[in-house]
């Protein structure tokens, strides 16, 4: 009986050891992911709280990827947060740190579209300087230019056109373009004029011959 008991004990210990090793293996996989999640949460919290010290500390850690962290519920990035509060200083700070200006929220909203909706022209300009996609549409197929026209925001319209926005791209709801929306509303005559002026500028630019080699100054 003692021999049988000894064998059973050894088997039990072996099973316990195997289970313990498996547990540690699982924990070793979970811990880095948990740490990354925690860093992402803390980073977005620091941005919301305007805590520059905490944000910089997290950004300066070797191998970090928190700059493009997304809120687990909304999908917002740090740029969405700073644009939403019309905070140009923090928006530029995030962009300088390498924030991607083209990430969408769960509702399909880019930082540029958010800036357009808020009529935050300075924020939109900062995003465009860092290669924000000027014609990236929302879930309704509306581009930032279409939204700017709908809002009657002449300054935003001019900025987007200057950065190559397509006035003839149509949305998926009404099948209307920025030009169409401007043409169909007499109150948007100044915006239609801005679109037509942009057409002329592009045509003139296309007609200019390419110049190669050094030029001689008079």
N, C-alpha and C. Protein backbone atom coordinates (compact mmCIF):
# COMPACT_ATOMS: atom_id res chain seq x y z
N UNK A 1 0.82 -1.21 0.00
CA UNK A 1 0.00 0.00 0.00
C UNK A 1 0.85 1.26 0.00
N UNK A 2 1.94 1.22 0.78
CA UNK A 2 2.83 2.37 0.84
C UNK A 2 3.46 2.63 -0.52
N UNK A 3 3.78 1.53 -1.24
CA UNK A 3 4.39 1.69 -2.56
C UNK A 3 3.42 2.36 -3.52
N UNK A 4 2.16 1.90 -3.45
CA UNK A 4 1.13 2.49 -4.32
C UNK A 4 0.93 3.96 -3.99
N UNK A 5 0.90 4.26 -2.68
CA UNK A 5 0.74 5.65 -2.24
C UNK A 5 1.88 6.52 -2.71
N UNK A 6 3.08 5.97 -2.69
CA UNK A 6 4.27 6.72 -3.14
C UNK A 6 4.19 7.03 -4.62
N UNK A 7 3.73 6.05 -5.41
CA UNK A 7 3.59 6.25 -6.86
C UNK A 7 2.56 7.33 -7.15
N UNK A 8 1.42 7.24 -6.42
CA UNK A 8 0.36 8.24 -6.62
C UNK A 8 0.85 9.63 -6.28
N UNK A 9 1.63 9.73 -5.21
CA UNK A 9 2.17 11.03 -4.79
C UNK A 9 3.09 11.60 -5.85
N UNK A 10 3.93 10.71 -6.42
CA UNK A 10 4.86 11.19 -7.45
C UNK A 10 4.11 11.67 -8.69
N UNK A 11 3.05 10.93 -9.05
CA UNK A 11 2.25 11.33 -10.21
C UNK A 11 1.57 12.67 -9.96
N UNK A 12 1.04 12.82 -8.74
CA UNK A 12 0.36 14.07 -8.39
C UNK A 12 1.32 15.24 -8.42
N UNK A 13 2.53 15.03 -7.89
CA UNK A 13 3.53 16.09 -7.90
C UNK A 13 3.93 16.45 -9.33
N UNK A 14 4.04 15.39 -10.17
CA UNK A 14 4.41 15.65 -11.56
C UNK A 14 3.34 16.47 -12.26
N UNK A 15 2.08 16.11 -12.04
CA UNK A 15 0.97 16.87 -12.64
C UNK A 15 0.94 18.31 -12.13
N UNK A 16 1.22 18.45 -10.83
CA UNK A 16 1.24 19.79 -10.24
C UNK A 16 2.35 20.64 -10.86
N UNK A 17 3.52 20.00 -11.05
CA UNK A 17 4.66 20.72 -11.64
C UNK A 17 4.35 21.15 -13.07
N UNK A 18 3.73 20.23 -13.83
CA UNK A 18 3.37 20.54 -15.22
C UNK A 18 2.36 21.69 -15.26
N UNK A 19 1.37 21.62 -14.37
CA UNK A 19 0.36 22.67 -14.32
C UNK A 19 0.96 24.01 -13.93
N UNK A 20 1.93 23.97 -13.00
CA UNK A 20 2.58 25.19 -12.56
C UNK A 20 3.39 25.83 -13.69
N UNK A 21 4.12 25.00 -14.43
CA UNK A 21 4.90 25.49 -15.57
C UNK A 21 3.99 26.10 -16.62
N UNK A 22 2.87 25.42 -16.88
CA UNK A 22 1.91 25.94 -17.88
C UNK A 22 1.34 27.28 -17.45
N UNK A 23 1.07 27.40 -16.16
CA UNK A 23 0.53 28.66 -15.63
C UNK A 23 1.50 29.81 -15.82
N UNK A 24 2.78 29.55 -15.49
CA UNK A 24 3.80 30.58 -15.67
C UNK A 24 3.97 30.95 -17.14
N UNK A 25 3.86 29.95 -18.02
CA UNK A 25 3.98 30.22 -19.45
C UNK A 25 2.87 31.13 -19.93
N UNK A 26 1.65 30.86 -19.47
CA UNK A 26 0.51 31.71 -19.86
C UNK A 26 0.68 33.11 -19.32
N UNK A 27 1.11 33.22 -18.07
CA UNK A 27 1.31 34.54 -17.46
C UNK A 27 2.38 35.33 -18.17
N UNK A 28 3.41 34.64 -18.64
CA UNK A 28 4.49 35.33 -19.35
C UNK A 28 4.01 35.93 -20.65
N UNK A 29 2.96 35.32 -21.25
CA UNK A 29 2.39 35.86 -22.48
C UNK A 29 1.42 37.00 -22.19
N UNK A 30 0.69 36.87 -21.10
CA UNK A 30 -0.33 37.86 -20.77
C UNK A 30 0.28 39.16 -20.26
N UNK A 31 1.32 39.06 -19.46
CA UNK A 31 1.88 40.23 -18.79
C UNK A 31 2.31 41.33 -19.76
N UNK A 32 3.09 41.03 -20.84
CA UNK A 32 3.46 42.11 -21.77
C UNK A 32 2.25 42.77 -22.40
N UNK A 33 1.25 41.97 -22.77
CA UNK A 33 0.04 42.55 -23.38
C UNK A 33 -0.69 43.44 -22.40
N UNK A 34 -0.75 42.97 -21.15
CA UNK A 34 -1.41 43.77 -20.12
C UNK A 34 -0.66 45.07 -19.87
N UNK A 35 0.67 44.97 -19.86
CA UNK A 35 1.49 46.16 -19.66
C UNK A 35 1.29 47.16 -20.79
N UNK A 36 1.22 46.64 -22.03
CA UNK A 36 1.01 47.52 -23.18
C UNK A 36 -0.35 48.19 -23.10
N UNK A 37 -1.37 47.41 -22.70
CA UNK A 37 -2.71 47.98 -22.55
C UNK A 37 -2.70 49.07 -21.50
N UNK A 38 -2.00 48.81 -20.40
CA UNK A 38 -1.93 49.78 -19.31
C UNK A 38 -1.23 51.05 -19.77
N UNK A 39 -0.15 50.90 -20.53
CA UNK A 39 0.57 52.07 -21.04
C UNK A 39 -0.31 52.88 -21.98
N UNK A 40 -1.05 52.20 -22.84
CA UNK A 40 -1.94 52.89 -23.78
C UNK A 40 -3.00 53.68 -23.03
N UNK A 41 -3.59 53.04 -22.03
CA UNK A 41 -4.62 53.71 -21.22
C UNK A 41 -4.03 54.93 -20.52
N UNK A 42 -2.86 54.74 -19.91
CA UNK A 42 -2.23 55.84 -19.17
C UNK A 42 -1.83 56.98 -20.10
N UNK A 43 -1.40 56.63 -21.31
CA UNK A 43 -1.01 57.66 -22.27
C UNK A 43 -2.22 58.51 -22.68
N UNK A 44 -3.30 57.85 -23.05
CA UNK A 44 -4.50 58.60 -23.45
C UNK A 44 -5.05 59.42 -22.29
N UNK A 45 -4.93 58.89 -21.09
CA UNK A 45 -5.36 59.64 -19.90
C UNK A 45 -4.49 60.88 -19.72
N UNK A 46 -3.18 60.72 -19.94
CA UNK A 46 -2.27 61.86 -19.81
C UNK A 46 -2.60 62.94 -20.83
N UNK A 47 -2.95 62.52 -22.05
CA UNK A 47 -3.33 63.48 -23.09
C UNK A 47 -4.62 64.20 -22.69
N UNK A 48 -5.58 63.44 -22.21
CA UNK A 48 -6.85 64.05 -21.79
C UNK A 48 -6.63 65.04 -20.64
N UNK A 49 -5.70 64.69 -19.75
CA UNK A 49 -5.43 65.53 -18.58
C UNK A 49 -4.42 66.64 -18.86
N UNK A 50 -3.91 66.69 -20.10
CA UNK A 50 -2.86 67.64 -20.47
C UNK A 50 -1.63 67.48 -19.56
N UNK A 51 -1.32 66.24 -19.25
CA UNK A 51 -0.16 65.92 -18.39
C UNK A 51 1.05 65.65 -19.29
N UNK A 52 1.77 66.72 -19.62
CA UNK A 52 2.91 66.60 -20.52
C UNK A 52 4.03 65.74 -19.97
N UNK A 53 4.25 65.79 -18.67
CA UNK A 53 5.32 65.00 -18.05
C UNK A 53 5.06 63.51 -18.21
N UNK A 54 3.85 63.08 -17.89
CA UNK A 54 3.49 61.66 -18.01
C UNK A 54 3.49 61.22 -19.47
N UNK A 55 2.95 62.05 -20.36
CA UNK A 55 2.91 61.70 -21.78
C UNK A 55 4.31 61.52 -22.33
N UNK A 56 5.21 62.45 -22.01
CA UNK A 56 6.59 62.36 -22.49
C UNK A 56 7.29 61.13 -21.94
N UNK A 57 7.04 60.83 -20.68
CA UNK A 57 7.69 59.67 -20.06
C UNK A 57 7.29 58.38 -20.78
N UNK A 58 6.02 58.27 -21.11
CA UNK A 58 5.54 57.08 -21.81
C UNK A 58 6.05 57.03 -23.25
N UNK A 59 6.10 58.18 -23.90
CA UNK A 59 6.58 58.24 -25.28
C UNK A 59 8.06 57.95 -25.40
N UNK A 60 8.82 58.29 -24.37
CA UNK A 60 10.27 58.13 -24.42
C UNK A 60 10.75 56.74 -24.04
N UNK A 61 9.85 55.86 -23.65
CA UNK A 61 10.27 54.50 -23.30
C UNK A 61 10.68 53.75 -24.57
N UNK A 62 11.79 53.02 -24.53
CA UNK A 62 12.29 52.30 -25.71
C UNK A 62 11.25 51.32 -26.26
N UNK A 63 11.07 51.35 -27.56
CA UNK A 63 10.18 50.40 -28.22
C UNK A 63 8.69 50.63 -28.02
N UNK A 64 8.33 51.80 -27.50
CA UNK A 64 6.91 52.04 -27.24
C UNK A 64 6.15 52.32 -28.54
N UNK A 65 4.87 52.03 -28.53
CA UNK A 65 4.00 52.33 -29.68
C UNK A 65 2.74 53.06 -29.22
N UNK A 66 2.83 53.73 -28.08
CA UNK A 66 1.63 54.32 -27.49
C UNK A 66 1.12 55.54 -28.25
N UNK A 67 1.94 56.14 -29.09
CA UNK A 67 1.55 57.37 -29.78
C UNK A 67 0.26 57.18 -30.59
N UNK A 68 0.05 55.97 -31.12
CA UNK A 68 -1.15 55.70 -31.90
C UNK A 68 -2.15 54.80 -31.16
N UNK A 69 -2.06 54.83 -29.83
CA UNK A 69 -3.01 54.05 -29.02
C UNK A 69 -4.43 54.51 -29.30
N UNK A 70 -5.36 53.55 -29.23
CA UNK A 70 -6.77 53.86 -29.48
C UNK A 70 -7.60 53.53 -28.25
N UNK A 71 -8.56 54.38 -27.96
CA UNK A 71 -9.48 54.11 -26.86
C UNK A 71 -10.25 52.83 -27.15
N UNK A 72 -10.33 51.96 -26.16
CA UNK A 72 -10.91 50.64 -26.39
C UNK A 72 -12.39 50.71 -26.78
N UNK A 73 -13.09 51.74 -26.37
CA UNK A 73 -14.51 51.87 -26.68
C UNK A 73 -14.76 52.69 -27.95
N UNK A 74 -14.17 53.87 -28.01
CA UNK A 74 -14.47 54.80 -29.11
C UNK A 74 -13.52 54.65 -30.30
N UNK A 75 -12.33 54.10 -30.05
CA UNK A 75 -11.33 54.02 -31.12
C UNK A 75 -10.58 55.33 -31.31
N UNK A 76 -10.82 56.30 -30.44
CA UNK A 76 -10.13 57.59 -30.54
C UNK A 76 -8.64 57.45 -30.26
N UNK A 77 -7.86 58.23 -30.98
CA UNK A 77 -6.43 58.34 -30.71
C UNK A 77 -6.17 59.65 -29.98
N UNK A 78 -4.91 59.86 -29.63
CA UNK A 78 -4.54 61.12 -28.98
C UNK A 78 -4.90 62.32 -29.85
N UNK A 79 -4.74 62.17 -31.16
CA UNK A 79 -5.07 63.27 -32.07
C UNK A 79 -6.57 63.60 -32.03
N UNK A 80 -7.40 62.60 -31.97
CA UNK A 80 -8.84 62.87 -31.86
C UNK A 80 -9.14 63.66 -30.58
N UNK A 81 -8.45 63.29 -29.52
CA UNK A 81 -8.67 63.96 -28.23
C UNK A 81 -8.26 65.42 -28.31
N UNK A 82 -7.09 65.69 -28.88
CA UNK A 82 -6.59 67.07 -28.92
C UNK A 82 -7.38 67.92 -29.91
N UNK A 83 -7.78 67.32 -31.03
CA UNK A 83 -8.59 68.06 -32.00
C UNK A 83 -9.96 68.37 -31.41
N UNK A 84 -10.54 67.41 -30.69
CA UNK A 84 -11.88 67.60 -30.12
C UNK A 84 -11.93 68.78 -29.17
N UNK A 85 -10.83 69.05 -28.49
CA UNK A 85 -10.83 70.20 -27.58
C UNK A 85 -10.17 71.43 -28.22
N UNK A 86 -9.95 71.36 -29.54
CA UNK A 86 -9.40 72.47 -30.32
C UNK A 86 -8.06 72.94 -29.73
N UNK A 87 -7.23 71.98 -29.41
CA UNK A 87 -5.96 72.25 -28.74
C UNK A 87 -4.82 72.15 -29.76
N UNK A 88 -4.44 73.29 -30.33
CA UNK A 88 -3.43 73.30 -31.38
C UNK A 88 -2.05 72.90 -30.85
N UNK A 89 -1.70 73.34 -29.65
CA UNK A 89 -0.40 73.03 -29.07
C UNK A 89 -0.21 71.53 -28.91
N UNK A 90 -1.18 70.86 -28.31
CA UNK A 90 -1.06 69.42 -28.11
C UNK A 90 -1.19 68.65 -29.43
N UNK A 91 -1.97 69.17 -30.36
CA UNK A 91 -2.08 68.53 -31.67
C UNK A 91 -0.72 68.53 -32.36
N UNK A 92 -0.05 69.66 -32.36
CA UNK A 92 1.28 69.73 -32.98
C UNK A 92 2.28 68.83 -32.25
N UNK A 93 2.17 68.78 -30.94
CA UNK A 93 3.04 67.94 -30.13
C UNK A 93 2.88 66.47 -30.52
N UNK A 94 1.64 66.01 -30.64
CA UNK A 94 1.37 64.63 -31.03
C UNK A 94 1.90 64.33 -32.43
N UNK A 95 1.71 65.25 -33.35
CA UNK A 95 2.19 65.07 -34.72
C UNK A 95 3.71 65.02 -34.77
N UNK A 96 4.37 65.87 -34.00
CA UNK A 96 5.83 65.86 -33.95
C UNK A 96 6.37 64.55 -33.40
N UNK A 97 5.58 63.92 -32.55
CA UNK A 97 5.98 62.64 -31.96
C UNK A 97 5.64 61.45 -32.86
N UNK A 98 5.08 61.75 -34.04
CA UNK A 98 4.82 60.69 -35.01
C UNK A 98 3.41 60.14 -35.03
N UNK A 99 2.45 60.86 -34.49
CA UNK A 99 1.07 60.38 -34.50
C UNK A 99 0.55 60.26 -35.93
N UNK A 100 -0.15 59.19 -36.21
CA UNK A 100 -0.74 58.95 -37.53
C UNK A 100 -2.02 59.77 -37.66
N UNK A 101 -2.09 60.71 -38.62
CA UNK A 101 -3.28 61.57 -38.74
C UNK A 101 -4.44 60.93 -39.49
N UNK A 102 -4.29 59.67 -39.89
CA UNK A 102 -5.32 59.04 -40.73
C UNK A 102 -6.05 57.88 -40.06
N UNK A 103 -5.83 57.68 -38.77
CA UNK A 103 -6.53 56.61 -38.06
C UNK A 103 -7.97 57.05 -37.79
N UNK A 104 -8.91 56.14 -38.01
CA UNK A 104 -10.33 56.44 -37.81
C UNK A 104 -10.81 55.96 -36.44
N UNK A 105 -11.84 56.61 -35.93
CA UNK A 105 -12.54 56.11 -34.75
C UNK A 105 -13.42 54.93 -35.18
N UNK A 106 -14.10 54.33 -34.22
CA UNK A 106 -15.00 53.23 -34.56
C UNK A 106 -16.16 53.71 -35.43
N UNK A 107 -16.42 55.00 -35.43
CA UNK A 107 -17.48 55.58 -36.26
C UNK A 107 -16.95 56.05 -37.61
N UNK A 108 -15.68 55.78 -37.89
CA UNK A 108 -15.10 56.14 -39.18
C UNK A 108 -14.70 57.59 -39.31
N UNK A 109 -14.35 58.21 -38.19
CA UNK A 109 -14.02 59.64 -38.17
C UNK A 109 -12.50 59.82 -38.06
N UNK A 110 -11.90 60.48 -39.05
CA UNK A 110 -10.48 60.81 -38.97
C UNK A 110 -10.31 62.12 -38.20
N UNK A 111 -9.10 62.41 -37.71
CA UNK A 111 -8.87 63.70 -37.06
C UNK A 111 -9.20 64.88 -37.98
N UNK A 112 -8.91 64.75 -39.28
CA UNK A 112 -9.19 65.84 -40.21
C UNK A 112 -10.70 66.06 -40.35
N UNK A 113 -11.45 64.98 -40.42
CA UNK A 113 -12.90 65.13 -40.50
C UNK A 113 -13.45 65.76 -39.23
N UNK A 114 -12.89 65.36 -38.10
CA UNK A 114 -13.32 65.94 -36.82
C UNK A 114 -13.01 67.44 -36.78
N UNK A 115 -11.81 67.81 -37.23
CA UNK A 115 -11.43 69.22 -37.27
C UNK A 115 -12.37 70.01 -38.19
N UNK A 116 -12.75 69.39 -39.30
CA UNK A 116 -13.68 70.04 -40.24
C UNK A 116 -15.04 70.24 -39.59
N UNK A 117 -15.53 69.21 -38.92
CA UNK A 117 -16.84 69.32 -38.25
C UNK A 117 -16.84 70.41 -37.19
N UNK A 118 -15.68 70.61 -36.55
CA UNK A 118 -15.57 71.61 -35.49
C UNK A 118 -15.15 72.98 -36.02
N UNK A 119 -14.93 73.05 -37.34
CA UNK A 119 -14.47 74.29 -37.98
C UNK A 119 -13.15 74.77 -37.36
N UNK A 120 -12.31 73.81 -37.06
CA UNK A 120 -11.01 74.06 -36.43
C UNK A 120 -9.96 74.13 -37.54
N UNK A 121 -9.87 75.28 -38.18
CA UNK A 121 -9.02 75.44 -39.37
C UNK A 121 -7.54 75.26 -39.04
N UNK A 122 -7.09 75.84 -37.94
CA UNK A 122 -5.68 75.71 -37.57
C UNK A 122 -5.31 74.25 -37.31
N UNK A 123 -6.21 73.52 -36.68
CA UNK A 123 -5.96 72.10 -36.43
C UNK A 123 -5.90 71.32 -37.73
N UNK A 124 -6.81 71.62 -38.65
CA UNK A 124 -6.82 70.95 -39.95
C UNK A 124 -5.54 71.23 -40.72
N UNK A 125 -5.07 72.46 -40.65
CA UNK A 125 -3.83 72.83 -41.34
C UNK A 125 -2.65 72.05 -40.77
N UNK A 126 -2.59 71.92 -39.45
CA UNK A 126 -1.51 71.16 -38.82
C UNK A 126 -1.54 69.70 -39.27
N UNK A 127 -2.72 69.12 -39.38
CA UNK A 127 -2.86 67.74 -39.82
C UNK A 127 -2.44 67.57 -41.27
N UNK A 128 -2.84 68.50 -42.11
CA UNK A 128 -2.50 68.43 -43.54
C UNK A 128 -1.00 68.57 -43.77
N UNK A 129 -0.34 69.36 -42.95
CA UNK A 129 1.11 69.50 -43.05
C UNK A 129 1.83 68.19 -42.72
N UNK A 130 1.14 67.32 -42.00
CA UNK A 130 1.71 66.02 -41.63
C UNK A 130 1.05 64.89 -42.42
N UNK A 131 0.63 65.23 -43.63
CA UNK A 131 0.15 64.24 -44.60
C UNK A 131 -1.19 63.58 -44.24
N UNK A 132 -2.07 64.32 -43.64
CA UNK A 132 -3.43 63.81 -43.46
C UNK A 132 -4.07 63.62 -44.84
N UNK A 133 -4.79 62.53 -45.03
CA UNK A 133 -5.44 62.24 -46.31
C UNK A 133 -6.61 63.21 -46.52
N UNK A 134 -6.45 64.11 -47.47
CA UNK A 134 -7.40 65.22 -47.62
C UNK A 134 -8.78 64.75 -48.09
N UNK A 135 -8.84 63.64 -48.81
CA UNK A 135 -10.12 63.18 -49.35
C UNK A 135 -10.65 61.92 -48.67
N UNK A 136 -10.10 61.57 -47.51
CA UNK A 136 -10.57 60.36 -46.82
C UNK A 136 -11.98 60.60 -46.29
N UNK A 137 -12.92 59.77 -46.74
CA UNK A 137 -14.34 60.01 -46.46
C UNK A 137 -14.80 59.33 -45.18
N UNK A 138 -15.95 59.79 -44.68
CA UNK A 138 -16.58 59.15 -43.53
C UNK A 138 -17.48 58.01 -44.01
N UNK A 139 -18.25 57.44 -43.10
CA UNK A 139 -19.09 56.29 -43.45
C UNK A 139 -20.20 56.65 -44.45
N UNK A 140 -20.49 57.93 -44.58
CA UNK A 140 -21.51 58.38 -45.53
C UNK A 140 -20.90 58.77 -46.87
N UNK A 141 -19.59 58.56 -47.00
CA UNK A 141 -18.92 58.92 -48.24
C UNK A 141 -18.61 60.40 -48.36
N UNK A 142 -18.84 61.14 -47.28
CA UNK A 142 -18.57 62.58 -47.29
C UNK A 142 -17.08 62.82 -47.04
N UNK A 143 -16.47 63.62 -47.89
CA UNK A 143 -15.09 64.02 -47.67
C UNK A 143 -15.07 65.25 -46.77
N UNK A 144 -13.91 65.59 -46.22
CA UNK A 144 -13.84 66.83 -45.44
C UNK A 144 -14.31 68.05 -46.23
N UNK A 145 -14.01 68.08 -47.54
CA UNK A 145 -14.44 69.22 -48.35
C UNK A 145 -15.96 69.28 -48.44
N UNK A 146 -16.60 68.15 -48.63
CA UNK A 146 -18.07 68.14 -48.68
C UNK A 146 -18.64 68.65 -47.37
N UNK A 147 -18.09 68.20 -46.24
CA UNK A 147 -18.58 68.66 -44.94
C UNK A 147 -18.34 70.15 -44.76
N UNK A 148 -17.18 70.62 -45.21
CA UNK A 148 -16.89 72.05 -45.08
C UNK A 148 -17.87 72.89 -45.89
N UNK A 149 -18.23 72.41 -47.08
CA UNK A 149 -19.22 73.11 -47.90
C UNK A 149 -20.58 73.09 -47.21
N UNK A 150 -20.97 71.94 -46.70
CA UNK A 150 -22.26 71.83 -46.01
C UNK A 150 -22.34 72.77 -44.81
N UNK A 151 -21.20 72.97 -44.16
CA UNK A 151 -21.15 73.86 -43.00
C UNK A 151 -21.00 75.33 -43.39
N UNK A 152 -20.77 75.58 -44.68
CA UNK A 152 -20.57 76.95 -45.13
C UNK A 152 -19.28 77.56 -44.63
N UNK A 153 -18.26 76.73 -44.43
CA UNK A 153 -16.99 77.18 -43.85
C UNK A 153 -16.01 77.52 -44.98
N UNK A 154 -16.02 78.78 -45.39
CA UNK A 154 -15.20 79.22 -46.51
C UNK A 154 -13.71 79.04 -46.24
N UNK A 155 -13.26 79.38 -45.05
CA UNK A 155 -11.84 79.25 -44.72
C UNK A 155 -11.38 77.80 -44.82
N UNK A 156 -12.19 76.88 -44.32
CA UNK A 156 -11.84 75.46 -44.39
C UNK A 156 -11.86 74.97 -45.83
N UNK A 157 -12.84 75.42 -46.60
CA UNK A 157 -12.92 75.04 -48.01
C UNK A 157 -11.65 75.46 -48.74
N UNK A 158 -11.23 76.68 -48.54
CA UNK A 158 -10.02 77.17 -49.20
C UNK A 158 -8.79 76.37 -48.80
N UNK A 159 -8.69 76.05 -47.51
CA UNK A 159 -7.56 75.26 -47.02
C UNK A 159 -7.53 73.88 -47.66
N UNK A 160 -8.67 73.22 -47.71
CA UNK A 160 -8.73 71.87 -48.27
C UNK A 160 -8.45 71.87 -49.77
N UNK A 161 -9.00 72.85 -50.48
CA UNK A 161 -8.73 72.96 -51.92
C UNK A 161 -7.25 73.21 -52.18
N UNK A 162 -6.65 74.05 -51.37
CA UNK A 162 -5.22 74.36 -51.49
C UNK A 162 -4.38 73.10 -51.33
N UNK A 163 -4.88 72.16 -50.54
CA UNK A 163 -4.16 70.92 -50.28
C UNK A 163 -4.62 69.76 -51.15
N UNK A 164 -5.29 70.09 -52.25
CA UNK A 164 -5.61 69.09 -53.26
C UNK A 164 -6.93 68.37 -53.13
N UNK A 165 -7.84 68.86 -52.32
CA UNK A 165 -9.15 68.20 -52.17
C UNK A 165 -9.90 68.19 -53.50
N UNK A 166 -10.59 67.09 -53.77
CA UNK A 166 -11.33 66.92 -55.02
C UNK A 166 -12.76 67.44 -54.86
N UNK A 167 -13.11 68.53 -55.55
CA UNK A 167 -14.46 69.09 -55.41
C UNK A 167 -15.53 68.30 -56.15
N UNK A 168 -15.13 67.30 -56.93
CA UNK A 168 -16.10 66.55 -57.73
C UNK A 168 -16.31 65.12 -57.25
N UNK A 169 -15.72 64.77 -56.15
CA UNK A 169 -15.95 63.44 -55.58
C UNK A 169 -17.31 63.44 -54.87
N UNK A 170 -18.14 62.45 -55.18
CA UNK A 170 -19.51 62.43 -54.65
C UNK A 170 -19.60 61.58 -53.39
N UNK A 171 -20.60 61.91 -52.55
CA UNK A 171 -20.84 61.11 -51.35
C UNK A 171 -21.74 59.92 -51.71
N UNK A 172 -21.95 59.04 -50.75
CA UNK A 172 -22.73 57.83 -51.02
C UNK A 172 -24.19 57.96 -50.59
N UNK A 173 -24.53 59.04 -49.91
CA UNK A 173 -25.91 59.23 -49.48
C UNK A 173 -26.76 59.91 -50.55
N UNK A 174 -26.30 61.05 -51.02
CA UNK A 174 -27.08 61.83 -51.99
C UNK A 174 -26.46 61.80 -53.39
N UNK A 175 -25.26 61.24 -53.50
CA UNK A 175 -24.59 61.24 -54.80
C UNK A 175 -24.19 62.64 -55.23
N UNK A 176 -23.94 63.51 -54.25
CA UNK A 176 -23.60 64.91 -54.52
C UNK A 176 -22.13 65.17 -54.19
N UNK A 177 -21.53 66.05 -54.94
CA UNK A 177 -20.15 66.46 -54.69
C UNK A 177 -20.14 67.80 -53.95
N UNK A 178 -18.96 68.20 -53.54
CA UNK A 178 -18.82 69.52 -52.90
C UNK A 178 -19.28 70.62 -53.85
N UNK A 179 -18.94 70.47 -55.12
CA UNK A 179 -19.36 71.45 -56.12
C UNK A 179 -20.89 71.48 -56.25
N UNK A 180 -21.50 70.28 -56.22
CA UNK A 180 -22.96 70.20 -56.32
C UNK A 180 -23.64 70.90 -55.15
N UNK A 181 -23.16 70.62 -53.96
CA UNK A 181 -23.77 71.24 -52.77
C UNK A 181 -23.64 72.76 -52.82
N UNK A 182 -22.49 73.23 -53.29
CA UNK A 182 -22.29 74.68 -53.38
C UNK A 182 -23.16 75.29 -54.47
N UNK A 183 -23.33 74.57 -55.58
CA UNK A 183 -24.12 75.09 -56.70
C UNK A 183 -25.61 75.15 -56.38
N UNK A 184 -26.06 74.25 -55.51
CA UNK A 184 -27.49 74.14 -55.22
C UNK A 184 -27.97 75.04 -54.10
N UNK A 185 -27.08 75.86 -53.58
CA UNK A 185 -27.46 76.74 -52.47
C UNK A 185 -26.91 78.14 -52.75
N UNK A 186 -27.80 79.09 -53.00
CA UNK A 186 -27.37 80.44 -53.36
C UNK A 186 -26.55 81.10 -52.26
N UNK A 187 -26.79 80.68 -51.03
CA UNK A 187 -26.03 81.26 -49.91
C UNK A 187 -24.57 80.81 -49.91
N UNK A 188 -24.29 79.78 -50.71
CA UNK A 188 -22.92 79.26 -50.77
C UNK A 188 -22.17 79.77 -52.01
N UNK A 189 -22.65 80.86 -52.58
CA UNK A 189 -22.00 81.42 -53.77
C UNK A 189 -20.51 81.72 -53.56
N UNK A 190 -20.10 82.27 -52.41
CA UNK A 190 -18.67 82.51 -52.19
C UNK A 190 -17.86 81.21 -52.19
N UNK A 191 -18.46 80.14 -51.70
CA UNK A 191 -17.76 78.85 -51.69
C UNK A 191 -17.65 78.30 -53.10
N UNK A 192 -18.71 78.43 -53.89
CA UNK A 192 -18.65 78.00 -55.29
C UNK A 192 -17.58 78.78 -56.03
N UNK A 193 -17.48 80.07 -55.75
CA UNK A 193 -16.44 80.89 -56.38
C UNK A 193 -15.05 80.40 -55.99
N UNK A 194 -14.89 79.98 -54.73
CA UNK A 194 -13.59 79.45 -54.28
C UNK A 194 -13.24 78.17 -55.01
N UNK A 195 -14.24 77.32 -55.25
CA UNK A 195 -14.01 76.08 -55.99
C UNK A 195 -13.61 76.38 -57.43
N UNK A 196 -14.32 77.33 -58.05
CA UNK A 196 -14.00 77.70 -59.43
C UNK A 196 -12.63 78.35 -59.53
N UNK A 197 -12.27 79.14 -58.52
CA UNK A 197 -10.94 79.75 -58.48
C UNK A 197 -9.87 78.67 -58.35
N UNK A 198 -10.16 77.65 -57.58
CA UNK A 198 -9.22 76.54 -57.44
C UNK A 198 -9.06 75.80 -58.77
N UNK A 199 -10.16 75.65 -59.51
CA UNK A 199 -10.09 75.03 -60.84
C UNK A 199 -9.14 75.81 -61.74
N UNK A 200 -9.28 77.12 -61.73
CA UNK A 200 -8.43 77.98 -62.56
C UNK A 200 -6.96 77.87 -62.16
N UNK A 201 -6.72 77.88 -60.86
CA UNK A 201 -5.34 77.79 -60.38
C UNK A 201 -4.70 76.47 -60.80
N UNK A 202 -5.46 75.39 -60.73
CA UNK A 202 -4.92 74.09 -61.12
C UNK A 202 -4.66 74.03 -62.62
N UNK A 203 -5.57 74.63 -63.39
CA UNK A 203 -5.40 74.64 -64.84
C UNK A 203 -4.17 75.46 -65.23
N UNK A 204 -3.99 76.60 -64.59
CA UNK A 204 -2.82 77.43 -64.87
C UNK A 204 -1.53 76.72 -64.48
N UNK A 205 -1.59 76.00 -63.36
CA UNK A 205 -0.40 75.28 -62.91
C UNK A 205 -0.04 74.17 -63.89
N UNK A 206 -1.07 73.52 -64.43
CA UNK A 206 -0.84 72.43 -65.38
C UNK A 206 -0.26 72.93 -66.69
N UNK A 207 -0.59 74.17 -67.06
CA UNK A 207 -0.12 74.74 -68.32
C UNK A 207 1.31 75.23 -68.25
N UNK A 208 1.81 75.45 -67.05
CA UNK A 208 3.18 75.95 -66.92
C UNK A 208 4.18 74.90 -67.38
N UNK A 209 5.10 75.27 -68.28
CA UNK A 209 6.10 74.30 -68.74
C UNK A 209 7.07 73.96 -67.63
N UNK A 210 7.52 72.71 -67.65
CA UNK A 210 8.51 72.29 -66.65
C UNK A 210 9.84 72.95 -66.95
N UNK A 211 10.51 73.40 -65.92
CA UNK A 211 11.81 74.06 -66.08
C UNK A 211 12.89 73.16 -65.52
N UNK A 212 13.89 72.87 -66.35
CA UNK A 212 14.98 72.01 -65.92
C UNK A 212 16.29 72.80 -65.93
N UNK A 213 17.18 72.45 -65.05
CA UNK A 213 18.48 73.10 -65.02
C UNK A 213 18.45 74.41 -64.26
N UNK A 214 19.60 75.05 -64.15
CA UNK A 214 19.69 76.31 -63.39
C UNK A 214 19.02 77.45 -64.14
N UNK A 215 18.53 78.41 -63.39
CA UNK A 215 17.95 79.61 -63.99
C UNK A 215 18.88 80.78 -63.76
N UNK A 216 18.86 81.72 -64.70
CA UNK A 216 19.73 82.90 -64.61
C UNK A 216 18.93 84.07 -64.07
N UNK A 217 19.38 84.60 -62.96
CA UNK A 217 18.70 85.75 -62.37
C UNK A 217 19.19 87.03 -63.04
N UNK A 218 18.25 87.92 -63.30
CA UNK A 218 18.61 89.20 -63.93
C UNK A 218 19.16 90.16 -62.90
